[in-house]
Amino acid sequence: MLLIPGPVEVPFSVANAGSYVANHRSAEFKQIIMENESMLNKFSGAYKTVMVTGSGTLAVETMVFSLINENDKVLSISYGNFGERLIDSISKKTKNTQFINYEQLKLESLLNEIRNRDYDKLFLVHNETSNGTAIRDLSEIIKIVREKGAKLLIDDVSGFGGYNMDMNGIYAMVTGSQKNIAAIPGIGIIFLSEEAYNDINSLSSGNIPFYLDLKTSLKFLEKNETAYTPSTGAFLSLNLALKLLEKEGFSKRIKRISASSDFIRKSLSDNGIEIFGTKAIYSNTVVCFYNDVPDIIKKLESNGIVISKGMGKISSQTLRLGTMGVINNHYIKKFLDTYFMISGKNIIINEDEIPEATRLPDFIFDDINLA
């Protein structure tokens, strides 16, 4: 049972699609690209969505290299390892930057910096995978950025599909196939507003690597193609995963994911286990908690459960649990019962106490591995 913060467990049908090999210039494959973009635009509110073969980091770097021009003043604020990675990518594109690093998200300080700094483009991680925290509500940030006449660009690799938010007020945003969408790894996704789409044609491609150039990708997207040979299986896997998401309902998936993380945190906290962060900044999709049980990851693996250790300065003290994709009441019970057993706590979770909202719809439940 894969409960790391991505890649996540996926339905059998979605996993099996990964073996699909096809002519990527065929009418059949163009149909897959067209359907994928249409569904992603609908779920996100994007004007155009570009899909690239690669990881979420590739999507981030495509956004960074294609949407920063030489005159832009850029601000980026980090509150975890992926925020630091975003800053590192930006620093490779431009030196006209201001960077701020917090060891932990401080909402008021972050808002004050955004209000008081001078910038054209603001880059933020919405959901910080490394420590299970998030800027849960972007509305105030969007308001400030609009008032400044600036543009907001969001790394939402582990957040998209786990929150009630869309592209309204966001210039560009990225995610990955292997998180809340619950497809196999291999597709980086770049959501563009109409403003970003129009701006891309006015930006120079002179110092943008071909693979990261959204201008080139958009030219091919007009033909429902990619600019290079894609992972055809990953594109079909994404297609099937998006259709399952559409059938479940975007808002219902968000509710299931949120209810799952809330219940896990409460169960851990009620039994003396400290959670990283505070309620105001908890992530819907990653639970980060302190642990003092020796060799806990190996012990969980011997019971068929795979989770991740923390990252950065808290890596030796914390564990991270992904509550993404097809997370459900059965996975929740198995993890909590096993963790409490290994921890020496005589606790068994009553499945009837797990919220109804954490249950999968039958058509997905019948398509996953519960072992």
Protein backbone atom coordinates (compact mmCIF):
# COMPACT_ATOMS: atom_id res chain seq x y z
CA MET A 1 0.00 0.00 0.00
CA LEU A 2 1.70 3.13 -1.27
CA LEU A 3 1.00 6.09 1.04
CA ILE A 4 3.93 8.32 0.21
CA PRO A 5 3.27 11.92 -0.96
CA GLY A 6 3.34 10.77 -4.57
CA PRO A 7 3.37 8.72 -6.61
CA VAL A 8 0.18 7.29 -5.17
CA GLU A 9 -1.81 4.09 -5.54
CA VAL A 10 -3.78 4.10 -8.78
CA PRO A 11 -6.68 1.98 -10.06
CA PHE A 12 -5.71 -1.16 -11.99
CA SER A 13 -7.20 0.22 -15.22
CA VAL A 14 -5.12 3.39 -14.91
CA ALA A 15 -1.93 1.46 -14.15
CA ASN A 16 -2.46 -0.97 -17.06
CA ALA A 17 -2.85 1.96 -19.47
CA GLY A 18 0.80 2.79 -18.81
CA SER A 19 1.88 0.04 -21.22
CA TYR A 20 0.11 1.71 -24.16
CA VAL A 21 2.46 2.43 -27.08
CA ALA A 22 1.19 4.31 -30.11
CA ASN A 23 2.15 6.61 -32.94
CA HIS A 24 2.13 9.96 -31.15
CA ARG A 25 1.12 11.72 -34.40
CA SER A 26 -1.87 9.46 -34.98
CA ALA A 27 -5.50 10.56 -34.86
CA GLU A 28 -6.02 8.17 -31.94
CA PHE A 29 -3.34 9.80 -29.81
CA LYS A 30 -4.40 13.32 -30.77
CA GLN A 31 -7.84 12.45 -29.42
CA ILE A 32 -6.28 11.50 -26.08
CA ILE A 33 -4.42 14.83 -25.87
CA MET A 34 -7.56 16.76 -26.80
CA GLU A 35 -9.66 14.97 -24.17
CA ASN A 36 -6.98 15.42 -21.50
CA GLU A 37 -6.69 19.13 -22.11
CA SER A 38 -10.45 19.62 -22.16
CA MET A 39 -10.90 17.89 -18.80
CA LEU A 40 -7.93 19.64 -17.21
CA ASN A 41 -9.18 23.04 -18.40
CA LYS A 42 -12.60 22.27 -16.92
CA PHE A 43 -11.26 21.15 -13.54
CA SER A 44 -8.79 24.04 -13.21
CA GLY A 45 -10.47 26.94 -14.99
CA ALA A 46 -7.37 27.28 -17.18
CA TYR A 47 -7.51 28.84 -20.64
CA LYS A 48 -4.94 26.35 -21.99
CA THR A 49 -3.21 23.36 -20.42
CA VAL A 50 0.14 22.04 -21.62
CA MET A 51 1.20 18.48 -20.78
CA VAL A 52 4.87 17.48 -20.82
CA THR A 53 6.48 14.09 -20.33
CA GLY A 54 8.29 14.41 -17.03
CA SER A 55 7.87 15.14 -13.34
CA GLY A 56 6.24 17.97 -11.44
CA THR A 57 9.65 19.61 -11.25
CA LEU A 58 9.78 19.69 -15.05
CA ALA A 59 6.40 21.45 -15.06
CA VAL A 60 7.73 23.99 -12.54
CA GLU A 61 10.85 24.68 -14.60
CA THR A 62 8.80 24.98 -17.79
CA MET A 63 6.68 27.63 -16.06
CA VAL A 64 9.76 29.42 -14.69
CA PHE A 65 11.80 29.47 -17.89
CA SER A 66 8.89 30.31 -20.20
CA LEU A 67 7.10 32.94 -18.13
CA ILE A 68 9.90 35.10 -16.71
CA ASN A 69 11.27 37.73 -19.08
CA GLU A 70 14.52 39.63 -18.68
CA ASN A 71 12.90 42.77 -17.20
CA ASP A 72 10.74 41.04 -14.59
CA LYS A 73 11.28 41.70 -10.90
CA VAL A 74 10.60 38.34 -9.26
CA LEU A 75 9.68 37.55 -5.64
CA SER A 76 9.50 34.01 -4.28
CA ILE A 77 8.84 32.97 -0.68
CA SER A 78 9.69 29.48 0.55
CA TYR A 79 8.42 27.59 3.59
CA GLY A 80 9.84 24.16 2.82
CA ASN A 81 12.09 22.11 0.57
CA PHE A 82 10.00 22.45 -2.58
CA GLY A 83 9.83 26.19 -2.11
CA GLU A 84 13.63 26.16 -1.94
CA ARG A 85 13.71 24.08 -5.13
CA LEU A 86 11.44 26.64 -6.82
CA ILE A 87 13.81 29.42 -5.76
CA ASP A 88 16.76 27.44 -7.13
CA SER A 89 15.03 27.12 -10.51
CA ILE A 90 14.19 30.84 -10.62
CA SER A 91 17.79 31.77 -9.79
CA LYS A 92 18.94 29.83 -12.86
CA LYS A 93 16.62 31.90 -15.07
CA THR A 94 17.10 35.43 -13.69
CA LYS A 95 19.13 37.40 -11.13
CA ASN A 96 16.50 40.14 -10.76
CA THR A 97 15.06 38.40 -7.71
CA GLN A 98 14.07 38.66 -4.06
CA PHE A 99 13.98 35.42 -2.11
CA ILE A 100 12.64 34.81 1.40
CA ASN A 101 13.00 31.51 3.27
CA TYR A 102 10.92 30.48 6.29
CA GLU A 103 11.62 27.26 8.16
CA GLN A 104 7.87 27.02 8.66
CA LEU A 105 4.98 28.84 7.00
CA LYS A 106 4.16 32.14 8.74
CA LEU A 107 1.00 33.45 7.12
CA GLU A 108 1.00 37.00 8.50
CA SER A 109 4.68 37.50 7.76
CA LEU A 110 4.20 36.11 4.26
CA LEU A 111 1.26 38.45 3.59
CA ASN A 112 3.24 41.44 4.87
CA GLU A 113 6.14 40.64 2.57
CA ILE A 114 3.77 40.33 -0.39
CA ARG A 115 2.16 43.67 0.47
CA ASN A 116 5.40 45.57 1.01
CA ARG A 117 7.77 44.22 -1.64
CA ASP A 118 8.10 45.51 -5.18
CA TYR A 119 7.75 42.79 -7.82
CA ASP A 120 6.20 41.96 -11.17
CA LYS A 121 5.82 38.24 -10.62
CA LEU A 122 5.27 36.34 -7.40
CA PHE A 123 6.09 32.62 -7.25
CA LEU A 124 4.74 30.49 -4.40
CA VAL A 125 4.29 26.85 -3.49
CA HIS A 126 0.64 26.40 -2.54
CA ASN A 127 0.98 23.02 -0.84
CA GLU A 128 4.40 22.18 0.64
CA THR A 129 4.97 18.45 0.20
CA SER A 130 8.06 18.39 2.41
CA ASN A 131 6.33 19.27 5.68
CA GLY A 132 2.57 18.89 5.20
CA THR A 133 1.65 22.57 5.31
CA ALA A 134 -0.17 24.84 2.87
CA ILE A 135 -1.43 28.32 2.15
CA ARG A 136 -4.96 27.06 2.49
CA ASP A 137 -6.66 30.20 1.18
CA LEU A 138 -5.00 32.17 -1.62
CA SER A 139 -7.74 34.81 -1.90
CA GLU A 140 -5.94 37.53 0.09
CA ILE A 141 -2.71 36.92 -1.81
CA ILE A 142 -4.59 37.11 -5.12
CA LYS A 143 -6.16 40.40 -4.02
CA ILE A 144 -2.80 41.94 -3.06
CA VAL A 145 -1.11 40.79 -6.27
CA ARG A 146 -3.96 42.19 -8.38
CA GLU A 147 -3.79 45.56 -6.61
CA LYS A 148 -0.08 45.73 -7.38
CA GLY A 149 -0.68 44.92 -11.05
CA ALA A 150 1.61 41.91 -10.62
CA LYS A 151 1.17 38.25 -11.59
CA LEU A 152 0.87 35.15 -9.40
CA LEU A 153 2.49 31.85 -10.43
CA ILE A 154 1.83 28.76 -8.34
CA ASP A 155 3.58 25.44 -7.82
CA ASP A 156 0.59 23.25 -6.96
CA VAL A 157 2.17 19.89 -7.76
CA SER A 158 0.84 18.20 -4.61
CA GLY A 159 -2.15 20.49 -4.09
CA PHE A 160 -4.23 20.48 -7.26
CA GLY A 161 -7.30 18.30 -6.76
CA GLY A 162 -7.05 18.54 -2.99
CA TYR A 163 -8.51 22.03 -2.51
CA ASN A 164 -11.45 24.10 -3.70
CA MET A 165 -9.50 26.51 -5.85
CA ASP A 166 -9.14 27.35 -9.52
CA MET A 167 -7.18 29.62 -11.83
CA ASN A 168 -9.22 32.74 -11.06
CA GLY A 169 -6.59 35.39 -10.27
CA ILE A 170 -3.70 33.03 -11.00
CA TYR A 171 -1.46 33.71 -14.00
CA ALA A 172 -0.02 30.18 -14.25
CA MET A 173 -0.02 27.03 -12.13
CA VAL A 174 1.47 23.55 -12.36
CA THR A 175 0.76 20.06 -11.08
CA GLY A 176 1.68 16.44 -11.80
CA SER A 177 -0.20 13.35 -12.92
CA GLN A 178 0.96 11.22 -9.98
CA LYS A 179 -0.68 13.09 -7.09
CA ASN A 180 -4.40 13.83 -6.56
CA ILE A 181 -5.34 13.00 -10.15
CA ALA A 182 -4.17 9.44 -9.36
CA ALA A 183 -2.50 8.58 -12.66
CA ILE A 184 0.90 6.99 -13.09
CA PRO A 185 3.97 9.26 -12.84
CA GLY A 186 5.20 10.86 -16.02
CA ILE A 187 3.13 13.93 -16.95
CA GLY A 188 3.92 17.46 -15.82
CA ILE A 189 0.92 19.77 -16.26
CA ILE A 190 1.09 23.54 -16.83
CA PHE A 191 -2.16 25.52 -16.49
CA LEU A 192 -2.22 28.89 -18.25
CA SER A 193 -4.56 31.85 -17.87
CA GLU A 194 -5.62 33.66 -21.03
CA GLU A 195 -3.22 36.47 -20.07
CA ALA A 196 -0.29 34.07 -19.75
CA TYR A 197 -1.21 32.40 -23.04
CA ASN A 198 -1.21 35.78 -24.82
CA ASP A 199 2.02 36.89 -23.14
CA ILE A 200 3.95 33.79 -24.17
CA ASN A 201 3.96 34.91 -27.81
CA SER A 202 5.57 38.22 -26.82
CA LEU A 203 8.34 36.65 -24.73
CA SER A 204 11.68 35.75 -26.26
CA SER A 205 12.53 32.06 -26.60
CA GLY A 206 16.22 32.86 -27.00
CA ASN A 207 17.36 31.50 -23.64
CA ILE A 208 14.67 28.86 -23.11
CA PRO A 209 15.62 25.21 -23.71
CA PHE A 210 13.44 23.66 -26.42
CA TYR A 211 11.90 21.16 -24.01
CA LEU A 212 10.88 23.93 -21.58
CA ASP A 213 9.56 26.35 -24.20
CA LEU A 214 5.81 26.84 -23.80
CA LYS A 215 5.66 28.79 -27.04
CA THR A 216 6.75 25.69 -28.93
CA SER A 217 4.49 23.39 -26.89
CA LEU A 218 1.46 25.60 -27.55
CA LYS A 219 2.08 25.55 -31.31
CA PHE A 220 1.91 21.76 -31.24
CA LEU A 221 -1.02 21.77 -28.81
CA GLU A 222 -3.08 23.59 -31.45
CA LYS A 223 -2.76 20.36 -33.45
CA ASN A 224 -3.39 18.20 -30.33
CA GLU A 225 0.23 17.08 -30.36
CA THR A 226 3.35 17.38 -28.24
CA ALA A 227 6.52 18.94 -29.59
CA TYR A 228 8.54 15.76 -28.98
CA THR A 229 7.96 12.05 -28.47
CA PRO A 230 5.85 11.74 -25.31
CA SER A 231 5.25 8.84 -22.94
CA THR A 232 2.16 7.58 -24.74
CA GLY A 233 1.27 5.22 -21.90
CA ALA A 234 1.42 8.01 -19.31
CA PHE A 235 -0.89 10.13 -21.48
CA LEU A 236 -3.46 7.32 -21.73
CA SER A 237 -3.15 6.64 -17.99
CA LEU A 238 -3.85 10.34 -17.37
CA ASN A 239 -6.84 10.15 -19.69
CA LEU A 240 -8.43 7.27 -17.78
CA ALA A 241 -7.63 8.83 -14.41
CA LEU A 242 -9.26 12.11 -15.45
CA LYS A 243 -12.37 10.28 -16.60
CA LEU A 244 -12.59 8.56 -13.20
CA LEU A 245 -12.12 11.93 -11.52
CA GLU A 246 -14.87 13.41 -13.68
CA LYS A 247 -17.19 10.54 -12.80
CA GLU A 248 -16.47 10.84 -9.08
CA GLY A 249 -16.85 14.63 -9.19
CA PHE A 250 -14.04 17.11 -8.58
CA SER A 251 -15.62 18.54 -5.42
CA LYS A 252 -16.30 15.06 -4.03
CA ARG A 253 -12.67 14.04 -4.49
CA ILE A 254 -11.53 17.16 -2.68
CA LYS A 255 -13.93 16.38 0.16
CA ARG A 256 -12.68 12.76 0.37
CA ILE A 257 -9.04 13.83 0.46
CA SER A 258 -9.65 16.56 3.04
CA ALA A 259 -11.76 14.29 5.26
CA SER A 260 -9.03 11.64 5.14
CA SER A 261 -6.22 13.95 6.24
CA ASP A 262 -8.41 15.49 8.96
CA PHE A 263 -9.29 12.08 10.42
CA ILE A 264 -5.71 10.80 10.34
CA ARG A 265 -4.40 13.92 12.07
CA LYS A 266 -7.11 13.75 14.73
CA SER A 267 -6.47 10.05 15.38
CA LEU A 268 -2.73 10.60 15.73
CA SER A 269 -3.11 13.74 17.84
CA ASP A 270 -5.73 12.18 20.13
CA ASN A 271 -3.22 9.45 20.88
CA GLY A 272 -0.30 11.65 21.84
CA ILE A 273 1.42 12.06 18.49
CA GLU A 274 2.50 15.60 17.60
CA ILE A 275 1.61 16.96 14.16
CA PHE A 276 3.94 19.36 12.38
CA GLY A 277 2.45 22.82 11.86
CA THR A 278 -0.87 24.22 13.05
CA LYS A 279 -4.49 23.78 12.01
CA ALA A 280 -4.43 27.06 10.06
CA ILE A 281 -1.70 25.75 7.76
CA TYR A 282 -2.31 21.99 7.62
CA SER A 283 -2.13 20.47 4.14
CA ASN A 284 -5.12 18.52 2.85
CA THR A 285 -2.87 16.11 0.98
CA VAL A 286 0.18 15.44 3.18
CA VAL A 287 0.21 14.64 6.92
CA CYS A 288 3.58 15.30 8.57
CA PHE A 289 4.00 14.09 12.16
CA TYR A 290 6.72 13.50 14.72
CA ASN A 291 7.89 9.97 15.38
CA ASP A 292 10.22 8.35 17.91
CA VAL A 293 9.66 4.68 17.02
CA PRO A 294 12.97 3.18 15.78
CA ASP A 295 13.03 1.78 12.23
CA ILE A 296 9.37 2.64 11.78
CA ILE A 297 9.52 2.89 7.99
CA LYS A 298 11.03 -0.60 7.68
CA LYS A 299 8.51 -1.99 10.16
CA LEU A 300 5.62 -0.49 8.23
CA GLU A 301 7.04 -1.84 4.95
CA SER A 302 7.14 -5.34 6.46
CA ASN A 303 3.40 -4.91 6.99
CA GLY A 304 2.84 -3.82 3.39
CA ILE A 305 2.64 -0.06 4.02
CA VAL A 306 5.03 2.44 2.44
CA ILE A 307 5.27 5.98 3.79
CA SER A 308 8.04 8.62 3.66
CA LYS A 309 10.36 10.18 6.18
CA GLY A 310 10.39 13.95 6.60
CA MET A 311 12.59 16.29 4.60
CA GLY A 312 15.13 18.97 5.41
CA LYS A 313 15.88 19.92 9.01
CA ILE A 314 13.03 17.79 10.37
CA SER A 315 13.84 14.71 8.29
CA SER A 316 15.13 12.63 11.22
CA GLN A 317 12.20 13.55 13.46
CA THR A 318 9.16 13.27 11.22
CA LEU A 319 7.21 11.02 8.88
CA ARG A 320 5.05 12.04 5.92
CA LEU A 321 1.88 10.33 4.79
CA GLY A 322 0.26 11.09 1.43
CA THR A 323 -3.53 11.47 1.59
CA MET A 324 -3.96 11.85 -2.15
CA GLY A 325 -5.65 10.21 -5.09
CA VAL A 326 -7.56 7.09 -4.06
CA ILE A 327 -7.04 7.49 -0.31
CA ASN A 328 -9.97 5.84 1.44
CA ASN A 329 -11.33 4.49 4.71
CA HIS A 330 -9.70 1.06 4.25
CA TYR A 331 -6.23 2.52 3.66
CA ILE A 332 -6.75 4.84 6.64
CA LYS A 333 -7.71 2.02 9.00
CA LYS A 334 -4.87 -0.25 7.88
CA PHE A 335 -2.27 2.48 8.33
CA LEU A 336 -3.50 3.68 11.73
CA ASP A 337 -4.02 0.18 13.16
CA THR A 338 -0.55 -0.88 12.00
CA TYR A 339 1.21 2.27 13.17
CA PHE A 340 -0.41 2.10 16.61
CA MET A 341 0.45 -1.62 16.89
CA ILE A 342 4.12 -1.00 16.04
CA SER A 343 4.15 1.97 18.44
CA GLY A 344 3.01 -0.27 21.28
CA LYS A 345 -0.38 1.40 21.60
CA ASN A 346 -3.36 -0.90 22.19
CA ILE A 347 -5.60 0.96 19.74
CA ILE A 348 -7.80 -0.39 16.95
CA ILE A 349 -9.70 2.09 14.79
CA ASN A 350 -13.41 1.36 14.55
CA GLU A 351 -14.17 1.61 10.85
CA ASP A 352 -17.63 2.98 11.62
CA GLU A 353 -15.94 6.04 13.17
CA ILE A 354 -14.10 6.89 9.95
CA PRO A 355 -16.10 9.59 8.15
CA GLU A 356 -18.38 8.47 5.32
CA ALA A 357 -16.76 11.14 3.14
CA THR A 358 -13.51 9.11 3.04
CA ARG A 359 -15.17 6.24 1.15
CA LEU A 360 -14.48 5.68 -2.52
CA PRO A 361 -17.30 5.41 -5.04
CA ASP A 362 -17.90 1.77 -5.96
CA PHE A 363 -16.57 2.10 -9.51
CA ILE A 364 -13.15 3.17 -8.18
CA PHE A 365 -13.23 0.92 -5.10
CA ASP A 366 -13.68 -2.15 -7.33
CA ASP A 367 -10.65 -1.05 -9.41
CA ILE A 368 -8.01 -0.71 -6.66
CA ASN A 369 -5.77 -2.99 -4.61
CA LEU A 370 -6.87 -3.18 -0.98
CA ALA A 371 -4.08 -5.57 0.07
